[in-house]
Amino acid sequence: MIVAVNDKGYRIGSSHHNSRISDEMVDKIREMREDMSMKYMEIAQVLNLTKSVVAKICQYERRAQTPYRWKRITKDVEENSTDE
């Protein structure tokens, strides 16, 4: 799997483990605000998000990093065993 990382090597955007909104959705939110002049609440209602999430994305307080590079990640299968 290839993921986007910032200049410190941390995952960003959709590849971040806490991401709940796709990069495509972020682009759509910004397009609705910047190109269509929709209000935060209108966007939030259409996309079933909170107004605060929409506002932070539109103001570039969230999801504002651009990839510094792309990193190949290999997913190791870890066996969690409990010894009792």
C-alpha atoms as a PDB file:
ATOM      1  CA  MET A   1       0.000   0.000   0.000  1.00  0.00           C
ATOM      2  CA  ILE A   2       1.256   3.501  -0.818  1.00  0.00           C
ATOM      3  CA  VAL A   3       0.379   6.347   1.575  1.00  0.00           C
ATOM      4  CA  ALA A   4       0.899  10.108   1.593  1.00  0.00           C
ATOM      5  CA  VAL A   5       3.238  11.460   4.260  1.00  0.00           C
ATOM      6  CA  ASN A   6       4.264  14.962   5.353  1.00  0.00           C
ATOM      7  CA  ASP A   7       7.835  16.246   5.685  1.00  0.00           C
ATOM      8  CA  LYS A   8       8.187  14.505   9.062  1.00  0.00           C
ATOM      9  CA  GLY A   9       7.110  11.146   7.635  1.00  0.00           C
ATOM     10  CA  TYR A  10       3.663  11.081   9.270  1.00  0.00           C
ATOM     11  CA  ARG A  11       0.641   9.856   7.341  1.00  0.00           C
ATOM     12  CA  ILE A  12      -1.729  12.559   6.142  1.00  0.00           C
ATOM     13  CA  GLY A  13      -5.101  12.786   4.418  1.00  0.00           C
ATOM     14  CA  SER A  14      -7.122   9.641   3.791  1.00  0.00           C
ATOM     15  CA  SER A  15      -4.132   7.459   4.614  1.00  0.00           C
ATOM     16  CA  HIS A  16      -4.029   8.710   8.227  1.00  0.00           C
ATOM     17  CA  HIS A  17      -5.383   6.117  10.651  1.00  0.00           C
ATOM     18  CA  ASN A  18      -7.902   8.557  12.212  1.00  0.00           C
ATOM     19  CA  SER A  19      -9.240   9.858   8.905  1.00  0.00           C
ATOM     20  CA  ARG A  20     -13.019   9.529   8.548  1.00  0.00           C
ATOM     21  CA  ILE A  21     -13.446  11.663   5.436  1.00  0.00           C
ATOM     22  CA  SER A  22     -11.887  10.786   2.078  1.00  0.00           C
ATOM     23  CA  ASP A  23      -9.653  13.196   0.188  1.00  0.00           C
ATOM     24  CA  GLU A  24     -12.328  13.308  -2.518  1.00  0.00           C
ATOM     25  CA  MET A  25     -14.927  14.414   0.050  1.00  0.00           C
ATOM     26  CA  VAL A  26     -12.588  17.161   1.297  1.00  0.00           C
ATOM     27  CA  ASP A  27     -12.173  18.399  -2.279  1.00  0.00           C
ATOM     28  CA  LYS A  28     -15.960  18.333  -2.749  1.00  0.00           C
ATOM     29  CA  ILE A  29     -16.519  20.320   0.476  1.00  0.00           C
ATOM     30  CA  ARG A  30     -14.046  23.011  -0.613  1.00  0.00           C
ATOM     31  CA  GLU A  31     -15.497  23.110  -4.112  1.00  0.00           C
ATOM     32  CA  MET A  32     -19.017  23.585  -2.732  1.00  0.00           C
ATOM     33  CA  ARG A  33     -17.799  26.475  -0.579  1.00  0.00           C
ATOM     34  CA  GLU A  34     -15.369  28.184  -2.960  1.00  0.00           C
ATOM     35  CA  ASP A  35     -17.015  27.621  -6.344  1.00  0.00           C
ATOM     36  CA  MET A  36     -20.679  27.345  -5.432  1.00  0.00           C
ATOM     37  CA  SER A  37     -20.644  29.809  -2.473  1.00  0.00           C
ATOM     38  CA  MET A  38     -22.627  27.458  -0.252  1.00  0.00           C
ATOM     39  CA  LYS A  39     -22.858  28.133   3.473  1.00  0.00           C
ATOM     40  CA  TYR A  40     -21.229  25.795   5.987  1.00  0.00           C
ATOM     41  CA  MET A  41     -24.585  24.607   7.291  1.00  0.00           C
ATOM     42  CA  GLU A  42     -25.867  23.870   3.770  1.00  0.00           C
ATOM     43  CA  ILE A  43     -22.790  21.780   2.989  1.00  0.00           C
ATOM     44  CA  ALA A  44     -23.050  20.015   6.341  1.00  0.00           C
ATOM     45  CA  GLN A  45     -26.695  19.096   5.712  1.00  0.00           C
ATOM     46  CA  VAL A  46     -26.056  17.855   2.167  1.00  0.00           C
ATOM     47  CA  LEU A  47     -23.087  15.694   3.202  1.00  0.00           C
ATOM     48  CA  ASN A  48     -24.388  14.684   6.648  1.00  0.00           C
ATOM     49  CA  LEU A  49     -21.458  16.254   8.517  1.00  0.00           C
ATOM     50  CA  THR A  50     -21.269  18.729  11.366  1.00  0.00           C
ATOM     51  CA  LYS A  51     -20.990  22.425  10.632  1.00  0.00           C
ATOM     52  CA  SER A  52     -17.746  22.676  12.611  1.00  0.00           C
ATOM     53  CA  VAL A  53     -16.045  19.949  10.552  1.00  0.00           C
ATOM     54  CA  VAL A  54     -17.085  21.649   7.314  1.00  0.00           C
ATOM     55  CA  ALA A  55     -15.917  25.057   8.584  1.00  0.00           C
ATOM     56  CA  LYS A  56     -12.496  23.746   9.665  1.00  0.00           C
ATOM     57  CA  ILE A  57     -11.968  22.035   6.311  1.00  0.00           C
ATOM     58  CA  CYS A  58     -13.038  25.143   4.361  1.00  0.00           C
ATOM     59  CA  GLN A  59     -10.791  27.393   6.461  1.00  0.00           C
ATOM     60  CA  TYR A  60      -7.878  24.978   5.938  1.00  0.00           C
ATOM     61  CA  GLU A  61      -7.566  24.313   9.660  1.00  0.00           C
ATOM     62  CA  ARG A  62      -8.036  20.606   8.952  1.00  0.00           C
ATOM     63  CA  ARG A  63      -6.778  18.533   6.056  1.00  0.00           C
ATOM     64  CA  ALA A  64      -4.525  21.331   4.843  1.00  0.00           C
ATOM     65  CA  GLN A  65      -1.271  19.426   4.366  1.00  0.00           C
ATOM     66  CA  THR A  66       0.013  18.438   0.975  1.00  0.00           C
ATOM     67  CA  PRO A  67       2.029  15.254   0.544  1.00  0.00           C
ATOM     68  CA  TYR A  68       5.768  15.730   0.887  1.00  0.00           C
ATOM     69  CA  ARG A  69       6.309  12.260  -0.530  1.00  0.00           C
ATOM     70  CA  TRP A  70       4.646   8.888  -0.923  1.00  0.00           C
ATOM     71  CA  LYS A  71       5.680   5.933   1.180  1.00  0.00           C
ATOM     72  CA  ARG A  72       5.195   2.222   0.596  1.00  0.00           C
ATOM     73  CA  ILE A  73       3.758   0.501   3.663  1.00  0.00           C
ATOM     74  CA  THR A  74       3.850  -3.212   4.225  1.00  0.00           C
ATOM     75  CA  LYS A  75       1.274  -4.541   6.605  1.00  0.00           C
ATOM     76  CA  ASP A  76       2.759  -7.126   8.914  1.00  0.00           C
ATOM     77  CA  VAL A  77       0.419  -9.670  10.391  1.00  0.00           C
ATOM     78  CA  GLU A  78       0.912  -9.647  14.117  1.00  0.00           C
ATOM     79  CA  GLU A  79      -0.314 -12.492  16.250  1.00  0.00           C
ATOM     80  CA  ASN A  80      -1.508 -11.324  19.614  1.00  0.00           C
ATOM     81  CA  SER A  81      -1.156 -14.149  22.050  1.00  0.00           C
ATOM     82  CA  THR A  82      -1.940 -13.959  25.717  1.00  0.00           C
ATOM     83  CA  ASP A  83       0.013 -16.050  28.152  1.00  0.00           C
ATOM     84  CA  GLU A  84      -1.901 -16.805  31.306  1.00  0.00           C
END
